[in-house]
C-alpha cells in the first residue's frame, strides 16, 4: 500500500526524485537512504516528508537524529493535523455504510508522546464537528484507552446504538487487524490510498523547498 502511495506521489510530482525510507521495523532505513545522497554545501539535497498522521517519537527522535548531521537535508511536518485527513475518514465511513448517528471510535496508532496524543485529539475534535453521533478516541498501541476498551466503554456508558471504529491509520497491517478485533459493528479501512494524502505530501514538500530556495 505504501509503495502504491509513493507511486501516486511520483505521478503528481514528476520532477521530484521520490525515495522510499523507513524509521522502524524494516528497510530501506532513513539513515541509509540519506547517507546515499551526495552532500551539498548550498541549497537542499533532500526533504524528508514523514508519512505519519501525528507527530511523536519517530519525528522528534528518529527523523531529527537522521538529519541532524546533514544541514542540506530537512524534515517537514507530519501529515496531520489537517482537516483533509478527517474528510478521508468521512469518506471511509460512507464507503462502509456506517449509520450517520453511530458512535465512532477514532482509532489511531498510539504513542506515549503527548504531542502525538494532541494531534489525534485535534483530529477527533474536527470529526465531532462533522459527525452526527458521539466520537471517542482509542489507540491500537502505546496509549490508553485501547480501541477495544473504547468500544466496550461506548456500550457500557449508555451509547446503545451502533458503534463503529473509524481507522486513523495510513495503511493495512498489524494495527488495522487489531481494529477488526475490537468488537465494533463496523470497521473502516485505512486512509491510503487517497488523492488528498498526495496533496498534503506535495504541500509539505513544497513549503520547505520554497522556504529554502
C-alpha atoms as a PDB file:
ATOM      1  CA  UNK A   1       0.000   0.000   0.000  1.00  0.00           C
ATOM      2  CA  UNK A   2       2.798   2.428   0.878  1.00  0.00           C
ATOM      3  CA  UNK A   3       4.512   1.721  -2.436  1.00  0.00           C
ATOM      4  CA  UNK A   4       1.253   2.395  -4.300  1.00  0.00           C
ATOM      5  CA  UNK A   5       1.042   5.657  -2.362  1.00  0.00           C
ATOM      6  CA  UNK A   6       4.620   6.561  -3.353  1.00  0.00           C
ATOM      7  CA  UNK A   7       3.830   5.796  -6.990  1.00  0.00           C
ATOM      8  CA  UNK A   8       0.868   8.181  -6.793  1.00  0.00           C
ATOM      9  CA  UNK A   9       3.184  10.861  -5.374  1.00  0.00           C
ATOM     10  CA  UNK A  10       5.620  10.281  -8.253  1.00  0.00           C
ATOM     11  CA  UNK A  11       2.814  10.772 -10.768  1.00  0.00           C
ATOM     12  CA  UNK A  12       1.753  14.005  -9.045  1.00  0.00           C
ATOM     13  CA  UNK A  13       5.347  15.275  -8.694  1.00  0.00           C
ATOM     14  CA  UNK A  14       7.096  14.033 -11.865  1.00  0.00           C
ATOM     15  CA  UNK A  15      10.091  16.362 -11.475  1.00  0.00           C
ATOM     16  CA  UNK A  16      10.916  15.137  -7.956  1.00  0.00           C
ATOM     17  CA  UNK A  17      13.054  12.100  -7.096  1.00  0.00           C
ATOM     18  CA  UNK A  18      10.803  10.276  -4.613  1.00  0.00           C
ATOM     19  CA  UNK A  19      12.623   7.696  -2.484  1.00  0.00           C
ATOM     20  CA  UNK A  20      11.247   5.159  -0.031  1.00  0.00           C
ATOM     21  CA  UNK A  21      12.588   5.042   3.539  1.00  0.00           C
ATOM     22  CA  UNK A  22      11.512   3.773   6.960  1.00  0.00           C
ATOM     23  CA  UNK A  23      12.459   4.649  10.541  1.00  0.00           C
ATOM     24  CA  UNK A  24      11.496   1.336  12.131  1.00  0.00           C
ATOM     25  CA  UNK A  25      10.750  -2.369  11.568  1.00  0.00           C
ATOM     26  CA  UNK A  26      12.362  -2.802   8.127  1.00  0.00           C
ATOM     27  CA  UNK A  27      14.444  -1.090   5.469  1.00  0.00           C
ATOM     28  CA  UNK A  28      15.426   0.753   3.479  1.00  0.00           C
ATOM     29  CA  UNK A  29      16.153   2.729   6.625  1.00  0.00           C
ATOM     30  CA  UNK A  30      16.108   6.519   6.561  1.00  0.00           C
ATOM     31  CA  UNK A  31      19.692   6.808   7.829  1.00  0.00           C
ATOM     32  CA  UNK A  32      20.940   4.663   4.957  1.00  0.00           C
ATOM     33  CA  UNK A  33      18.886   6.461   2.319  1.00  0.00           C
ATOM     34  CA  UNK A  34      20.212   9.842   3.489  1.00  0.00           C
ATOM     35  CA  UNK A  35      23.784   8.513   3.580  1.00  0.00           C
ATOM     36  CA  UNK A  36      23.490   7.565  -0.095  1.00  0.00           C
ATOM     37  CA  UNK A  37      22.765  11.185  -1.056  1.00  0.00           C
ATOM     38  CA  UNK A  38      25.796  13.283  -2.036  1.00  0.00           C
ATOM     39  CA  UNK A  39      26.074  16.251   0.309  1.00  0.00           C
ATOM     40  CA  UNK A  40      25.540  19.780  -0.941  1.00  0.00           C
ATOM     41  CA  UNK A  41      27.192  22.815   0.605  1.00  0.00           C
ATOM     42  CA  UNK A  42      24.443  25.147  -0.538  1.00  0.00           C
ATOM     43  CA  UNK A  43      20.742  24.544  -1.007  1.00  0.00           C
ATOM     44  CA  UNK A  44      18.741  21.445  -0.255  1.00  0.00           C
ATOM     45  CA  UNK A  45      19.675  17.919  -1.223  1.00  0.00           C
ATOM     46  CA  UNK A  46      16.544  16.278   0.140  1.00  0.00           C
ATOM     47  CA  UNK A  47      13.322  16.868   2.036  1.00  0.00           C
ATOM     48  CA  UNK A  48      12.048  14.166   4.398  1.00  0.00           C
ATOM     49  CA  UNK A  49       8.249  14.097   4.462  1.00  0.00           C
ATOM     50  CA  UNK A  50       7.045  11.840   7.302  1.00  0.00           C
ATOM     51  CA  UNK A  51       4.147   9.635   6.196  1.00  0.00           C
ATOM     52  CA  UNK A  52       2.723   9.870   9.694  1.00  0.00           C
ATOM     53  CA  UNK A  53      -0.699  11.141  10.710  1.00  0.00           C
ATOM     54  CA  UNK A  54       0.516  12.526  14.051  1.00  0.00           C
ATOM     55  CA  UNK A  55       3.812  13.716  15.481  1.00  0.00           C
ATOM     56  CA  UNK A  56       5.716  11.819  18.157  1.00  0.00           C
ATOM     57  CA  UNK A  57       8.891   9.838  18.850  1.00  0.00           C
ATOM     58  CA  UNK A  58       9.596   8.982  15.212  1.00  0.00           C
ATOM     59  CA  UNK A  59       9.542  12.675  14.278  1.00  0.00           C
ATOM     60  CA  UNK A  60      11.279  14.243  17.245  1.00  0.00           C
ATOM     61  CA  UNK A  61      13.851  11.493  17.729  1.00  0.00           C
ATOM     62  CA  UNK A  62      14.330   9.171  14.752  1.00  0.00           C
ATOM     63  CA  UNK A  63      13.908  11.630  11.883  1.00  0.00           C
ATOM     64  CA  UNK A  64      15.528  14.513  13.772  1.00  0.00           C
ATOM     65  CA  UNK A  65      18.562  12.339  14.507  1.00  0.00           C
ATOM     66  CA  UNK A  66      18.765  11.145  10.897  1.00  0.00           C
ATOM     67  CA  UNK A  67      19.000  14.693   9.527  1.00  0.00           C
ATOM     68  CA  UNK A  68      20.941  16.426  12.310  1.00  0.00           C
ATOM     69  CA  UNK A  69      24.366  15.980  10.687  1.00  0.00           C
ATOM     70  CA  UNK A  70      23.094  16.985   7.244  1.00  0.00           C
ATOM     71  CA  UNK A  71      22.194  20.682   7.002  1.00  0.00           C
ATOM     72  CA  UNK A  72      21.263  20.052   3.365  1.00  0.00           C
ATOM     73  CA  UNK A  73      18.511  17.604   4.400  1.00  0.00           C
ATOM     74  CA  UNK A  74      15.415  18.812   6.254  1.00  0.00           C
ATOM     75  CA  UNK A  75      12.329  17.162   7.688  1.00  0.00           C
ATOM     76  CA  UNK A  76       8.831  18.581   7.252  1.00  0.00           C
ATOM     77  CA  UNK A  77       5.821  18.445   9.498  1.00  0.00           C
ATOM     78  CA  UNK A  78       3.759  15.241   9.563  1.00  0.00           C
ATOM     79  CA  UNK A  79       0.541  14.881   7.568  1.00  0.00           C
ATOM     80  CA  UNK A  80      -1.698  15.944  10.449  1.00  0.00           C
ATOM     81  CA  UNK A  81      -3.452  17.734  11.911  1.00  0.00           C
ATOM     82  CA  UNK A  82      -5.196  18.554   8.627  1.00  0.00           C
ATOM     83  CA  UNK A  83      -8.925  18.749   8.011  1.00  0.00           C
ATOM     84  CA  UNK A  84      -8.471  16.735   4.814  1.00  0.00           C
ATOM     85  CA  UNK A  85      -7.495  13.704   6.892  1.00  0.00           C
ATOM     86  CA  UNK A  86     -10.872  13.912   8.605  1.00  0.00           C
ATOM     87  CA  UNK A  87     -12.527  14.264   5.189  1.00  0.00           C
ATOM     88  CA  UNK A  88     -10.894  10.959   4.228  1.00  0.00           C
ATOM     89  CA  UNK A  89     -12.191   9.353   7.441  1.00  0.00           C
ATOM     90  CA  UNK A  90     -15.673  10.553   6.490  1.00  0.00           C
ATOM     91  CA  UNK A  91     -15.220   9.066   3.004  1.00  0.00           C
ATOM     92  CA  UNK A  92     -14.290   5.720   4.552  1.00  0.00           C
ATOM     93  CA  UNK A  93     -17.317   5.867   6.860  1.00  0.00           C
ATOM     94  CA  UNK A  94     -19.600   6.427   3.875  1.00  0.00           C
ATOM     95  CA  UNK A  95     -17.923   3.601   1.964  1.00  0.00           C
ATOM     96  CA  UNK A  96     -18.582   1.268   4.920  1.00  0.00           C
ATOM     97  CA  UNK A  97     -22.239   2.441   5.105  1.00  0.00           C
ATOM     98  CA  UNK A  98     -21.901   3.422   8.761  1.00  0.00           C
ATOM     99  CA  UNK A  99     -25.177   4.956  10.038  1.00  0.00           C
ATOM    100  CA  UNK A 100     -24.900   8.728  10.452  1.00  0.00           C
ATOM    101  CA  UNK A 101     -25.759   8.638  14.178  1.00  0.00           C
ATOM    102  CA  UNK A 102     -23.387   5.811  15.115  1.00  0.00           C
ATOM    103  CA  UNK A 103     -20.910   6.238  17.932  1.00  0.00           C
ATOM    104  CA  UNK A 104     -17.429   6.483  16.444  1.00  0.00           C
ATOM    105  CA  UNK A 105     -14.151   5.393  17.950  1.00  0.00           C
ATOM    106  CA  UNK A 106     -11.392   7.214  16.071  1.00  0.00           C
ATOM    107  CA  UNK A 107      -8.637   4.597  16.129  1.00  0.00           C
ATOM    108  CA  UNK A 108      -5.086   5.919  15.953  1.00  0.00           C
ATOM    109  CA  UNK A 109      -1.782   4.045  16.104  1.00  0.00           C
ATOM    110  CA  UNK A 110      -0.993   5.489  19.533  1.00  0.00           C
ATOM    111  CA  UNK A 111       2.066   6.998  21.163  1.00  0.00           C
ATOM    112  CA  UNK A 112       3.269   7.839  24.655  1.00  0.00           C
ATOM    113  CA  UNK A 113       4.315  11.255  23.306  1.00  0.00           C
ATOM    114  CA  UNK A 114       1.764  13.895  24.386  1.00  0.00           C
ATOM    115  CA  UNK A 115       2.325  15.788  21.121  1.00  0.00           C
ATOM    116  CA  UNK A 116       1.061  12.779  19.201  1.00  0.00           C
ATOM    117  CA  UNK A 117      -1.931  12.459  21.515  1.00  0.00           C
ATOM    118  CA  UNK A 118      -2.688  16.156  20.998  1.00  0.00           C
ATOM    119  CA  UNK A 119      -2.636  15.738  17.203  1.00  0.00           C
ATOM    120  CA  UNK A 120      -5.019  12.785  17.435  1.00  0.00           C
ATOM    121  CA  UNK A 121      -7.387  14.660  19.748  1.00  0.00           C
ATOM    122  CA  UNK A 122      -7.376  17.596  17.307  1.00  0.00           C
ATOM    123  CA  UNK A 123      -8.495  15.218  14.557  1.00  0.00           C
ATOM    124  CA  UNK A 124     -11.199  13.809  16.828  1.00  0.00           C
ATOM    125  CA  UNK A 125     -12.465  17.298  17.633  1.00  0.00           C
ATOM    126  CA  UNK A 126     -12.727  18.130  13.928  1.00  0.00           C
ATOM    127  CA  UNK A 127     -14.566  14.846  13.373  1.00  0.00           C
ATOM    128  CA  UNK A 128     -17.016  15.694  16.185  1.00  0.00           C
ATOM    129  CA  UNK A 129     -17.966  18.833  14.300  1.00  0.00           C
ATOM    130  CA  UNK A 130     -18.832  16.823  11.191  1.00  0.00           C
ATOM    131  CA  UNK A 131     -20.429  13.676  12.636  1.00  0.00           C
ATOM    132  CA  UNK A 132     -23.953  13.173  13.962  1.00  0.00           C
ATOM    133  CA  UNK A 133     -23.101  10.802  16.795  1.00  0.00           C
ATOM    134  CA  UNK A 134     -20.593  10.748  19.668  1.00  0.00           C
ATOM    135  CA  UNK A 135     -16.883  10.479  18.855  1.00  0.00           C
ATOM    136  CA  UNK A 136     -14.406   8.743  21.163  1.00  0.00           C
ATOM    137  CA  UNK A 137     -10.692   8.079  20.721  1.00  0.00           C
ATOM    138  CA  UNK A 138      -8.939   4.714  21.008  1.00  0.00           C
ATOM    139  CA  UNK A 139      -5.406   3.581  20.312  1.00  0.00           C
ATOM    140  CA  UNK A 140      -4.060   0.445  18.674  1.00  0.00           C
ATOM    141  CA  UNK A 141      -0.933   0.555  20.874  1.00  0.00           C
ATOM    142  CA  UNK A 142       1.171   2.792  23.082  1.00  0.00           C
ATOM    143  CA  UNK A 143      -1.552   4.652  24.956  1.00  0.00           C
ATOM    144  CA  UNK A 144      -4.872   4.127  26.735  1.00  0.00           C
ATOM    145  CA  UNK A 145      -7.692   3.555  26.096  1.00  0.00           C
ATOM    146  CA  UNK A 146      -7.189   0.736  23.640  1.00  0.00           C
ATOM    147  CA  UNK A 147      -9.604   0.608  20.717  1.00  0.00           C
ATOM    148  CA  UNK A 148     -11.280  -2.466  22.242  1.00  0.00           C
ATOM    149  CA  UNK A 149     -11.690  -0.660  25.591  1.00  0.00           C
ATOM    150  CA  UNK A 150     -13.114   2.422  23.863  1.00  0.00           C
ATOM    151  CA  UNK A 151     -15.661   0.259  22.030  1.00  0.00           C
ATOM    152  CA  UNK A 152     -16.619  -1.505  25.287  1.00  0.00           C
ATOM    153  CA  UNK A 153     -16.929   1.841  27.112  1.00  0.00           C
ATOM    154  CA  UNK A 154     -19.211   3.185  24.373  1.00  0.00           C
ATOM    155  CA  UNK A 155     -21.610   0.319  25.024  1.00  0.00           C
ATOM    156  CA  UNK A 156     -21.199   0.427  28.798  1.00  0.00           C
ATOM    157  CA  UNK A 157     -21.942   4.128  29.190  1.00  0.00           C
ATOM    158  CA  UNK A 158     -25.305   4.093  27.512  1.00  0.00           C
ATOM    159  CA  UNK A 159     -24.408   4.600  23.877  1.00  0.00           C
ATOM    160  CA  UNK A 160     -26.680   1.725  22.920  1.00  0.00           C
ATOM    161  CA  UNK A 161     -26.706   2.166  19.173  1.00  0.00           C
ATOM    162  CA  UNK A 162     -24.223   1.134  16.552  1.00  0.00           C
ATOM    163  CA  UNK A 163     -20.518   1.550  17.406  1.00  0.00           C
ATOM    164  CA  UNK A 164     -18.083   1.970  14.521  1.00  0.00           C
ATOM    165  CA  UNK A 165     -14.300   2.035  14.588  1.00  0.00           C
ATOM    166  CA  UNK A 166     -13.032   4.747  12.237  1.00  0.00           C
ATOM    167  CA  UNK A 167      -9.489   3.847  11.256  1.00  0.00           C
ATOM    168  CA  UNK A 168      -6.987   6.698  11.608  1.00  0.00           C
ATOM    169  CA  UNK A 169      -4.191   4.569  10.214  1.00  0.00           C
ATOM    170  CA  UNK A 170      -2.368   5.098   6.954  1.00  0.00           C
ATOM    171  CA  UNK A 171      -2.146   1.527   5.678  1.00  0.00           C
ATOM    172  CA  UNK A 172      -3.220  -2.036   6.493  1.00  0.00           C
ATOM    173  CA  UNK A 173      -1.108  -4.117   8.853  1.00  0.00           C
ATOM    174  CA  UNK A 174      -0.982  -5.351  12.434  1.00  0.00           C
ATOM    175  CA  UNK A 175      -2.689  -2.258  13.874  1.00  0.00           C
ATOM    176  CA  UNK A 176      -5.523  -2.320  11.325  1.00  0.00           C
ATOM    177  CA  UNK A 177      -6.036  -6.013  12.131  1.00  0.00           C
ATOM    178  CA  UNK A 178      -6.461  -5.088  15.811  1.00  0.00           C
ATOM    179  CA  UNK A 179      -9.268  -2.707  14.872  1.00  0.00           C
ATOM    180  CA  UNK A 180     -11.163  -5.605  13.353  1.00  0.00           C
ATOM    181  CA  UNK A 181     -10.873  -7.492  16.627  1.00  0.00           C
ATOM    182  CA  UNK A 182     -12.177  -4.659  18.843  1.00  0.00           C
ATOM    183  CA  UNK A 183     -15.826  -5.747  18.884  1.00  0.00           C
ATOM    184  CA  UNK A 184     -17.373  -2.879  16.889  1.00  0.00           C
ATOM    185  CA  UNK A 185     -20.295  -3.209  14.492  1.00  0.00           C
ATOM    186  CA  UNK A 186     -18.332  -1.542  11.692  1.00  0.00           C
ATOM    187  CA  UNK A 187     -14.636  -1.010  10.992  1.00  0.00           C
ATOM    188  CA  UNK A 188     -13.484   1.329   8.238  1.00  0.00           C
ATOM    189  CA  UNK A 189     -10.428   0.845   6.078  1.00  0.00           C
ATOM    190  CA  UNK A 190      -7.165   2.805   6.429  1.00  0.00           C
ATOM    191  CA  UNK A 191      -6.739   6.221   4.831  1.00  0.00           C
ATOM    192  CA  UNK A 192      -4.379   5.354   1.967  1.00  0.00           C
ATOM    193  CA  UNK A 193      -4.631   5.426  -0.943  1.00  0.00           C
ATOM    194  CA  UNK A 194      -6.417   8.743  -1.382  1.00  0.00           C
ATOM    195  CA  UNK A 195      -5.668  11.774  -3.585  1.00  0.00           C
ATOM    196  CA  UNK A 196      -5.958  14.164  -0.620  1.00  0.00           C
ATOM    197  CA  UNK A 197      -2.991  12.393   1.012  1.00  0.00           C
ATOM    198  CA  UNK A 198      -0.933  13.036  -2.111  1.00  0.00           C
ATOM    199  CA  UNK A 199      -1.931  16.706  -1.990  1.00  0.00           C
ATOM    200  CA  UNK A 200      -0.835  17.023   1.642  1.00  0.00           C
ATOM    201  CA  UNK A 201       2.552  15.424   0.894  1.00  0.00           C
ATOM    202  CA  UNK A 202       3.062  17.765  -2.066  1.00  0.00           C
ATOM    203  CA  UNK A 203       2.249  20.781   0.111  1.00  0.00           C
ATOM    204  CA  UNK A 204       4.601  19.684   2.904  1.00  0.00           C
ATOM    205  CA  UNK A 205       7.397  19.243   0.358  1.00  0.00           C
ATOM    206  CA  UNK A 206       6.609  22.464  -1.467  1.00  0.00           C
ATOM    207  CA  UNK A 207       6.544  24.583   1.688  1.00  0.00           C
ATOM    208  CA  UNK A 208      10.110  23.568   2.565  1.00  0.00           C
ATOM    209  CA  UNK A 209      11.564  23.793  -0.926  1.00  0.00           C
ATOM    210  CA  UNK A 210      10.049  27.272  -1.346  1.00  0.00           C
ATOM    211  CA  UNK A 211      11.394  28.346   2.049  1.00  0.00           C
ATOM    212  CA  UNK A 212      14.936  27.165   1.317  1.00  0.00           C
ATOM    213  CA  UNK A 213      15.248  28.439  -2.261  1.00  0.00           C
END
